[in-house]
Amino acid sequence: MAESILDAYKHQHNTEAVIDASKKLKIGIIGTGWIADAHIKSYLKMPDVEIIAGADLIPGKADAFFEKHGIKNVRTYLSHTEMLENEPELDAVSVCTYNMTHAVCTIDSLNKGVNVLLEKPMCVTLDEAVEICRAEKKSGKVLSIGFQPRFDENMKMIKRLVESGTLGDIYYIQTGGGRRRGIPTPFGTTFIEKETGGIGAIGDIGCYSLDMVLNAIGYPKPLTVSGYKCDFFGKNPEYMPCPEYAEKFGVDDFAAGFVRLEGGIVLDFRIAWAMHVDTPGDTIIFGKKAALRIPSTDCWNGTVGGNMVLYHDVCGTQTETKLPILETKGNLFDMKVRSFLDAIKNGTPAPIPSSQIIYNQAIIDGICRSAELGHEIEIDIPEI
């Protein structure tokens, strides 16, 4: 059995598709902060892309952004609505704004008939996610959410192992991760203020951890959640680099949840921007035939933190099989952007669909609401 499992690693394929550059997609960037740097660097590698417009609320910021990247003749605006009104040729936009404006920028773009690559987290609340999905359905356009770890070969292997039946029926998952010290203040205070970030660690890196396991098991619907969150480090002036940062801190720096999923699966989740240990634990997927341990990383970087270990029985003997770490050829962010562009050009479904990520957002929203209420709640996702 161990040999057959390891054989699966011999059939790793990284094929490079031919890109038709005869028709260029016209792209706009909404929000020109630090994450937009990653988007534009990927777009600049694509031969079938022309960046024609950008928008940022801060005067001069968008101009400086495009100048830094050596892109000329880009029209810039002080709002996404102004850009959408004045750029009827736009094929797609990247939404790179702070969390609290993800929904409005995405909905307005879809309503204008523009395809959207939306940075994670999808948004802040479940209600926003529902409205995004409804706008997407009405528009018929491509909406893909920014979960580039999906393209890592090790993440793909986790999903293949579950789907192969090697673990048997899944009944319990422990997942999470985080940073011993890692509140993202080097990027200003938009991550940590309630008015802009809306949610903290749970949205910033927690959404990745949730997607890793939920994608592997087929994204079952969440049913109930008991949540907890706190802000002990963020509000501590001795911890934060500047006292005024502690005064502005309005989101979670740690969150946890106990979630019941369809199919009788229980998800035990925790995530941290700051804590007094190096990790709150590895990810472990418990199946009725075998279990899989996925080592945590120091900071969510889109892959695994070391060799995964499969715990199973072979001829009545308790056995551990160490799985090799797979090399991913290429840049994960480039793969995310390329898959989005291909979906637009080929008329294929979104590579990271909102129909899945709305469940991710429902769990985040449920943990936050349960924590505020102090008891377990049911998760009700309306029809789209």
Protein backbone atom coordinates (compact mmCIF):
# COMPACT_ATOMS: atom_id res chain seq x y z
CA MET A 1 0.00 0.00 0.00
CA ALA A 2 2.80 2.42 0.89
CA GLU A 3 4.43 1.75 -2.49
CA SER A 4 1.20 2.45 -4.35
CA ILE A 5 0.74 5.73 -2.50
CA LEU A 6 4.28 6.83 -3.27
CA ASP A 7 3.76 5.84 -6.91
CA ALA A 8 1.20 8.63 -7.17
CA TYR A 9 4.05 11.09 -6.74
CA LYS A 10 5.75 9.82 -9.90
CA HIS A 11 2.99 11.18 -12.12
CA GLN A 12 3.41 14.85 -11.40
CA HIS A 13 2.78 16.98 -14.48
CA ASN A 14 3.69 20.62 -15.00
CA THR A 15 2.75 21.46 -18.59
CA GLU A 16 3.08 24.90 -20.08
CA ALA A 17 0.18 25.99 -22.29
CA VAL A 18 0.58 28.04 -25.45
CA ILE A 19 -0.88 31.54 -25.01
CA ASP A 20 -2.64 33.24 -27.91
CA ALA A 21 -1.46 36.85 -27.73
CA SER A 22 -3.31 37.99 -30.85
CA LYS A 23 -6.14 39.40 -28.71
CA LYS A 24 -5.08 41.27 -25.61
CA LEU A 25 -7.32 41.51 -22.57
CA LYS A 26 -7.66 45.05 -21.23
CA ILE A 27 -7.05 45.09 -17.47
CA GLY A 28 -7.67 47.60 -14.70
CA ILE A 29 -6.31 47.61 -11.14
CA ILE A 30 -8.59 48.74 -8.30
CA GLY A 31 -6.44 49.64 -5.30
CA THR A 32 -2.70 50.13 -5.74
CA GLY A 33 -1.38 49.07 -2.33
CA TRP A 34 1.24 46.38 -1.70
CA ILE A 35 -0.78 43.37 -2.90
CA ALA A 36 -1.36 45.13 -6.22
CA ASP A 37 2.40 44.85 -6.79
CA ALA A 38 2.05 41.07 -7.02
CA HIS A 39 -0.90 41.35 -9.41
CA ILE A 40 0.79 43.77 -11.77
CA LYS A 41 4.05 41.81 -11.82
CA SER A 42 2.10 38.75 -12.92
CA TYR A 43 0.09 40.68 -15.52
CA LEU A 44 3.30 42.07 -16.98
CA LYS A 45 4.49 38.51 -17.66
CA MET A 46 1.37 37.75 -19.69
CA PRO A 47 1.71 38.41 -23.45
CA ASP A 48 -2.05 38.71 -23.91
CA VAL A 49 -2.62 41.51 -21.37
CA GLU A 50 -2.75 45.28 -21.71
CA ILE A 51 -3.06 47.30 -18.49
CA ILE A 52 -5.10 50.38 -19.37
CA ALA A 53 -6.43 51.84 -16.11
CA GLY A 54 -6.12 52.02 -12.35
CA ALA A 55 -7.89 53.55 -9.39
CA ASP A 56 -6.90 54.51 -5.86
CA LEU A 57 -8.53 56.76 -3.28
CA ILE A 58 -5.27 58.53 -2.44
CA PRO A 59 -4.39 61.29 -4.96
CA GLY A 60 -1.23 60.48 -6.91
CA LYS A 61 -0.87 56.95 -5.53
CA ALA A 62 -2.04 55.16 -8.68
CA ASP A 63 0.19 57.33 -10.89
CA ALA A 64 3.22 56.57 -8.72
CA PHE A 65 2.34 52.86 -8.74
CA PHE A 66 2.29 52.56 -12.53
CA GLU A 67 5.38 54.74 -12.88
CA LYS A 68 7.23 52.46 -10.45
CA HIS A 69 6.41 49.48 -12.64
CA GLY A 70 7.38 51.27 -15.84
CA ILE A 71 3.90 51.28 -17.36
CA LYS A 72 3.01 54.31 -19.44
CA ASN A 73 -0.26 55.66 -20.85
CA VAL A 74 -2.37 54.21 -18.03
CA ARG A 75 -5.40 56.31 -17.14
CA THR A 76 -5.84 56.75 -13.38
CA TYR A 77 -8.87 57.61 -11.27
CA LEU A 78 -9.68 58.43 -7.64
CA SER A 79 -12.51 55.88 -7.42
CA HIS A 80 -13.38 52.54 -8.92
CA THR A 81 -16.77 53.85 -9.99
CA GLU A 82 -15.19 56.66 -11.99
CA MET A 83 -12.86 54.16 -13.66
CA LEU A 84 -15.69 51.78 -14.54
CA GLU A 85 -17.77 54.63 -15.99
CA ASN A 86 -14.94 55.92 -18.17
CA GLU A 87 -13.36 52.66 -19.31
CA PRO A 88 -16.00 50.76 -21.33
CA GLU A 89 -13.34 48.57 -22.99
CA LEU A 90 -12.22 46.94 -19.73
CA ASP A 91 -12.27 43.14 -19.91
CA ALA A 92 -11.26 42.52 -16.31
CA VAL A 93 -10.11 44.08 -13.06
CA SER A 94 -8.09 42.98 -10.08
CA VAL A 95 -9.70 44.10 -6.82
CA CYS A 96 -6.77 44.83 -4.48
CA THR A 97 -8.42 47.15 -1.98
CA TYR A 98 -8.74 46.67 1.77
CA ASN A 99 -11.23 44.06 3.00
CA MET A 100 -14.14 46.37 3.75
CA THR A 101 -14.40 47.49 0.12
CA HIS A 102 -13.93 44.12 -1.56
CA ALA A 103 -17.68 43.62 -1.93
CA VAL A 104 -18.65 47.02 -3.36
CA CYS A 105 -15.75 47.10 -5.85
CA THR A 106 -16.51 43.57 -7.03
CA ILE A 107 -20.27 44.03 -7.30
CA ASP A 108 -19.93 47.32 -9.18
CA SER A 109 -17.44 45.76 -11.61
CA LEU A 110 -19.64 42.73 -12.28
CA ASN A 111 -22.66 44.97 -12.78
CA LYS A 112 -20.68 46.78 -15.47
CA GLY A 113 -19.99 43.49 -17.23
CA VAL A 114 -16.35 43.29 -16.16
CA ASN A 115 -14.66 40.04 -15.08
CA VAL A 116 -13.09 40.15 -11.60
CA LEU A 117 -10.04 38.66 -9.91
CA LEU A 118 -10.81 39.33 -6.25
CA GLU A 119 -8.07 39.19 -3.65
CA LYS A 120 -8.68 37.16 -0.53
CA PRO A 121 -10.50 37.23 1.78
CA MET A 122 -13.59 37.26 -0.42
CA CYS A 123 -15.09 39.98 1.79
CA VAL A 124 -15.91 40.53 5.47
CA THR A 125 -19.42 39.16 6.05
CA LEU A 126 -21.60 36.37 4.70
CA ASP A 127 -24.21 38.91 3.61
CA GLU A 128 -21.58 40.59 1.41
CA ALA A 129 -20.56 37.23 -0.05
CA VAL A 130 -24.17 36.47 -0.96
CA GLU A 131 -24.53 39.82 -2.75
CA ILE A 132 -21.26 39.23 -4.62
CA CYS A 133 -22.46 35.81 -5.79
CA ARG A 134 -25.80 37.22 -6.91
CA ALA A 135 -24.08 39.95 -8.92
CA GLU A 136 -21.82 37.34 -10.48
CA LYS A 137 -24.76 35.13 -11.43
CA LYS A 138 -26.65 38.05 -12.96
CA SER A 139 -23.62 39.26 -14.93
CA GLY A 140 -22.51 35.92 -16.33
CA LYS A 141 -18.92 37.07 -15.92
CA VAL A 142 -15.92 35.28 -14.42
CA LEU A 143 -15.26 35.90 -10.74
CA SER A 144 -12.23 34.11 -9.30
CA ILE A 145 -11.01 34.47 -5.72
CA GLY A 146 -7.32 34.90 -4.86
CA PHE A 147 -6.28 31.55 -3.37
CA GLN A 148 -2.99 30.85 -5.16
CA PRO A 149 -1.97 28.01 -2.77
CA ARG A 150 -4.45 25.87 -4.72
CA PHE A 151 -1.84 25.66 -7.49
CA ASP A 152 0.91 24.26 -5.26
CA GLU A 153 1.65 20.62 -6.13
CA ASN A 154 1.59 19.59 -2.46
CA MET A 155 -1.87 21.12 -2.01
CA LYS A 156 -3.04 19.24 -5.09
CA MET A 157 -1.63 16.03 -3.62
CA ILE A 158 -3.61 16.50 -0.40
CA LYS A 159 -6.79 16.70 -2.47
CA ARG A 160 -5.81 13.68 -4.58
CA LEU A 161 -5.11 11.62 -1.45
CA VAL A 162 -8.54 12.40 -0.01
CA GLU A 163 -10.32 11.79 -3.32
CA SER A 164 -8.48 8.49 -3.86
CA GLY A 165 -10.11 7.01 -0.78
CA THR A 166 -6.73 6.34 0.85
CA LEU A 167 -7.92 7.97 4.08
CA GLY A 168 -11.41 6.52 3.90
CA ASP A 169 -14.37 8.59 5.07
CA ILE A 170 -13.23 11.82 6.73
CA TYR A 171 -14.71 12.51 10.14
CA TYR A 172 -12.48 15.09 11.88
CA ILE A 173 -10.02 17.77 10.79
CA GLN A 174 -7.70 19.88 12.90
CA THR A 175 -6.28 22.85 11.04
CA GLY A 176 -5.00 26.38 11.46
CA GLY A 177 -1.63 27.96 11.86
CA GLY A 178 -0.28 31.43 12.20
CA ARG A 179 2.65 33.46 13.39
CA ARG A 180 4.34 33.84 16.75
CA ARG A 181 4.80 37.54 15.96
CA GLY A 182 3.22 38.72 12.74
CA ILE A 183 0.61 41.46 12.92
CA PRO A 184 0.98 43.14 9.50
CA THR A 185 1.72 46.69 10.63
CA PRO A 186 4.60 47.31 8.18
CA PHE A 187 1.89 47.98 5.59
CA GLY A 188 0.24 50.74 7.60
CA THR A 189 -2.95 50.37 9.62
CA THR A 190 -5.51 49.36 6.97
CA PHE A 191 -5.10 45.69 7.98
CA ILE A 192 -5.76 46.37 11.65
CA GLU A 193 -8.47 49.04 11.72
CA LYS A 194 -12.09 47.94 11.92
CA GLU A 195 -13.20 50.50 9.35
CA THR A 196 -10.85 49.16 6.67
CA GLY A 197 -9.83 45.61 7.61
CA GLY A 198 -13.12 44.53 9.16
CA ILE A 199 -11.58 41.20 10.14
CA GLY A 200 -7.99 40.38 11.08
CA ALA A 201 -6.00 37.14 11.19
CA ILE A 202 -9.07 35.04 10.49
CA GLY A 203 -9.53 36.72 7.10
CA ASP A 204 -5.91 37.41 6.21
CA ILE A 205 -4.40 33.94 6.69
CA GLY A 206 -7.25 31.93 8.23
CA CYS A 207 -9.05 31.83 4.88
CA TYR A 208 -6.02 30.03 3.36
CA SER A 209 -5.96 27.41 6.09
CA LEU A 210 -9.68 26.79 5.69
CA ASP A 211 -9.38 26.51 1.92
CA MET A 212 -6.60 23.94 2.14
CA VAL A 213 -8.76 21.40 3.95
CA LEU A 214 -12.20 22.36 2.63
CA ASN A 215 -10.99 22.11 -0.97
CA ALA A 216 -9.44 18.71 -0.23
CA ILE A 217 -12.72 17.29 1.07
CA GLY A 218 -14.95 18.84 -1.60
CA TYR A 219 -16.14 21.96 0.23
CA PRO A 220 -19.05 20.52 2.27
CA LYS A 221 -21.59 23.00 3.55
CA PRO A 222 -20.97 24.35 7.08
CA LEU A 223 -23.93 23.79 9.41
CA THR A 224 -23.04 25.17 12.86
CA VAL A 225 -20.10 26.95 14.48
CA SER A 226 -18.92 27.83 17.95
CA GLY A 227 -16.37 30.63 17.67
CA TYR A 228 -13.87 32.58 19.72
CA LYS A 229 -11.68 35.56 18.89
CA CYS A 230 -9.47 38.01 20.77
CA ASP A 231 -7.16 41.01 20.31
CA PHE A 232 -4.79 40.78 23.29
CA PHE A 233 -1.60 41.48 21.34
CA GLY A 234 -2.93 44.07 18.92
CA LYS A 235 -4.24 46.29 21.70
CA ASN A 236 -1.06 46.04 23.76
CA PRO A 237 1.13 49.19 23.29
CA GLU A 238 4.17 47.23 24.51
CA TYR A 239 3.74 44.74 21.67
CA MET A 240 2.81 47.06 18.82
CA PRO A 241 5.63 49.07 17.18
CA CYS A 242 3.84 52.39 17.81
CA PRO A 243 1.42 53.18 20.67
CA GLU A 244 -1.08 54.67 18.20
CA TYR A 245 -1.25 51.33 16.40
CA ALA A 246 -2.60 49.72 19.57
CA GLU A 247 -5.18 52.48 19.84
CA LYS A 248 -6.32 51.85 16.27
CA PHE A 249 -6.39 48.05 16.49
CA GLY A 250 -9.97 46.92 15.92
CA VAL A 251 -9.83 43.37 14.56
CA ASP A 252 -8.88 39.89 15.77
CA ASP A 253 -5.28 38.76 16.21
CA PHE A 254 -6.42 35.22 17.15
CA ALA A 255 -9.53 33.27 16.26
CA ALA A 256 -10.77 29.72 16.69
CA GLY A 257 -13.83 27.77 15.75
CA PHE A 258 -15.48 24.37 16.14
CA VAL A 259 -17.45 23.78 12.95
CA ARG A 260 -19.86 21.00 12.02
CA LEU A 261 -19.95 20.28 8.28
CA GLU A 262 -22.29 18.28 6.10
CA GLY A 263 -21.40 14.60 5.98
CA GLY A 264 -20.74 14.34 9.71
CA ILE A 265 -17.33 16.02 9.51
CA VAL A 266 -16.05 18.18 12.36
CA LEU A 267 -13.56 20.98 11.72
CA ASP A 268 -11.41 22.22 14.63
CA PHE A 269 -9.78 25.48 13.50
CA ARG A 270 -7.48 28.12 15.01
CA ILE A 271 -5.43 30.94 13.48
CA ALA A 272 -3.13 33.66 14.87
CA TRP A 273 -1.27 36.79 13.90
CA ALA A 274 0.39 36.71 17.33
CA MET A 275 0.83 34.12 20.09
CA HIS A 276 3.42 32.77 22.52
CA VAL A 277 4.14 29.54 20.58
CA ASP A 278 5.49 28.88 17.11
CA THR A 279 2.32 27.13 15.90
CA PRO A 280 -1.10 26.22 17.29
CA GLY A 281 -0.63 22.79 15.71
CA ASP A 282 -0.20 20.88 12.48
CA THR A 283 -3.12 20.14 10.20
CA ILE A 284 -4.40 16.58 10.70
CA ILE A 285 -7.08 14.96 8.55
CA PHE A 286 -8.64 11.95 10.29
CA GLY A 287 -10.14 9.25 8.08
CA LYS A 288 -11.62 5.88 8.94
CA LYS A 289 -8.84 4.11 7.02
CA ALA A 290 -5.87 6.41 7.63
CA ALA A 291 -4.86 9.87 8.83
CA LEU A 292 -2.70 12.56 7.23
CA ARG A 293 -0.46 15.02 9.10
CA ILE A 294 0.43 18.24 7.26
CA PRO A 295 3.22 20.19 9.02
CA SER A 296 2.43 23.83 9.71
CA THR A 297 4.50 26.69 8.34
CA ASP A 298 6.02 29.65 10.20
CA CYS A 299 3.86 32.00 8.17
CA TRP A 300 1.27 30.99 5.60
CA ASN A 301 3.35 30.73 2.44
CA GLY A 302 1.18 28.63 0.17
CA THR A 303 2.69 25.20 0.68
CA VAL A 304 3.42 22.64 3.41
CA GLY A 305 5.88 23.08 6.27
CA GLY A 306 7.68 19.77 5.74
CA ASN A 307 7.11 16.18 4.71
CA MET A 308 3.51 15.10 5.13
CA VAL A 309 3.04 11.82 6.99
CA LEU A 310 0.40 9.19 6.29
CA TYR A 311 -0.58 7.05 9.30
CA HIS A 312 -2.10 3.74 8.20
CA ASP A 313 -2.08 0.00 8.81
CA VAL A 314 -0.24 -2.39 6.48
CA CYS A 315 -0.98 -6.09 6.99
CA GLY A 316 -2.03 -5.37 10.55
CA THR A 317 1.06 -3.29 11.34
CA GLN A 318 0.81 0.36 12.32
CA THR A 319 2.81 2.21 9.69
CA GLU A 320 3.88 5.78 8.96
CA THR A 321 4.72 6.72 5.38
CA LYS A 322 6.65 9.94 4.88
CA LEU A 323 5.52 11.61 1.67
CA PRO A 324 8.04 13.48 -0.47
CA ILE A 325 7.72 17.24 -0.88
CA LEU A 326 6.78 18.07 -4.45
CA GLU A 327 8.36 20.88 -6.41
CA THR A 328 5.98 23.33 -7.99
CA LYS A 329 7.41 24.64 -11.25
CA GLY A 330 6.46 28.26 -11.64
CA ASN A 331 5.14 31.08 -9.50
CA LEU A 332 1.87 30.45 -7.66
CA PHE A 333 0.68 34.02 -8.12
CA ASP A 334 1.37 33.84 -11.86
CA MET A 335 -0.66 30.62 -12.01
CA LYS A 336 -3.55 32.29 -10.24
CA VAL A 337 -3.59 35.19 -12.68
CA ARG A 338 -3.07 32.96 -15.73
CA SER A 339 -5.94 30.65 -14.77
CA PHE A 340 -8.23 33.69 -14.42
CA LEU A 341 -7.26 35.02 -17.84
CA ASP A 342 -7.70 31.59 -19.44
CA ALA A 343 -11.20 31.27 -17.99
CA ILE A 344 -12.16 34.61 -19.57
CA LYS A 345 -10.67 33.75 -22.97
CA ASN A 346 -11.91 30.17 -23.12
CA GLY A 347 -15.34 30.69 -21.57
CA THR A 348 -14.57 28.15 -18.85
CA PRO A 349 -15.62 28.25 -15.17
CA ALA A 350 -13.74 30.36 -12.64
CA PRO A 351 -10.67 28.45 -11.37
CA ILE A 352 -11.44 29.38 -7.73
CA PRO A 353 -15.22 29.71 -7.76
CA SER A 354 -17.33 31.82 -5.45
CA SER A 355 -19.69 28.84 -5.03
CA GLN A 356 -16.95 27.28 -2.88
CA ILE A 357 -15.47 30.33 -1.24
CA ILE A 358 -18.86 31.50 0.02
CA TYR A 359 -18.64 28.50 2.42
CA ASN A 360 -15.20 29.67 3.51
CA GLN A 361 -16.64 33.13 4.15
CA ALA A 362 -19.65 31.66 5.96
CA ILE A 363 -17.32 29.96 8.45
CA ILE A 364 -15.33 33.16 9.01
CA ASP A 365 -18.53 35.14 9.46
CA GLY A 366 -19.98 32.45 11.72
CA ILE A 367 -16.93 32.39 13.99
CA CYS A 368 -17.06 36.17 14.36
CA ARG A 369 -20.79 36.25 15.10
CA SER A 370 -20.63 33.29 17.48
CA ALA A 371 -17.72 34.89 19.35
CA GLU A 372 -19.68 38.10 19.78
CA LEU A 373 -22.82 36.26 20.93
CA GLY A 374 -20.95 33.86 23.19
CA HIS A 375 -22.62 30.68 21.99
CA GLU A 376 -22.88 28.26 19.08
CA ILE A 377 -24.91 29.41 16.07
CA GLU A 378 -26.39 27.83 12.96
CA ILE A 379 -25.01 28.89 9.60
CA ASP A 380 -27.74 29.85 7.14
CA ILE A 381 -26.59 30.48 3.56
CA PRO A 382 -29.38 31.91 1.38
CA GLU A 383 -30.09 30.67 -2.13
CA ILE A 384 -28.13 32.54 -4.77
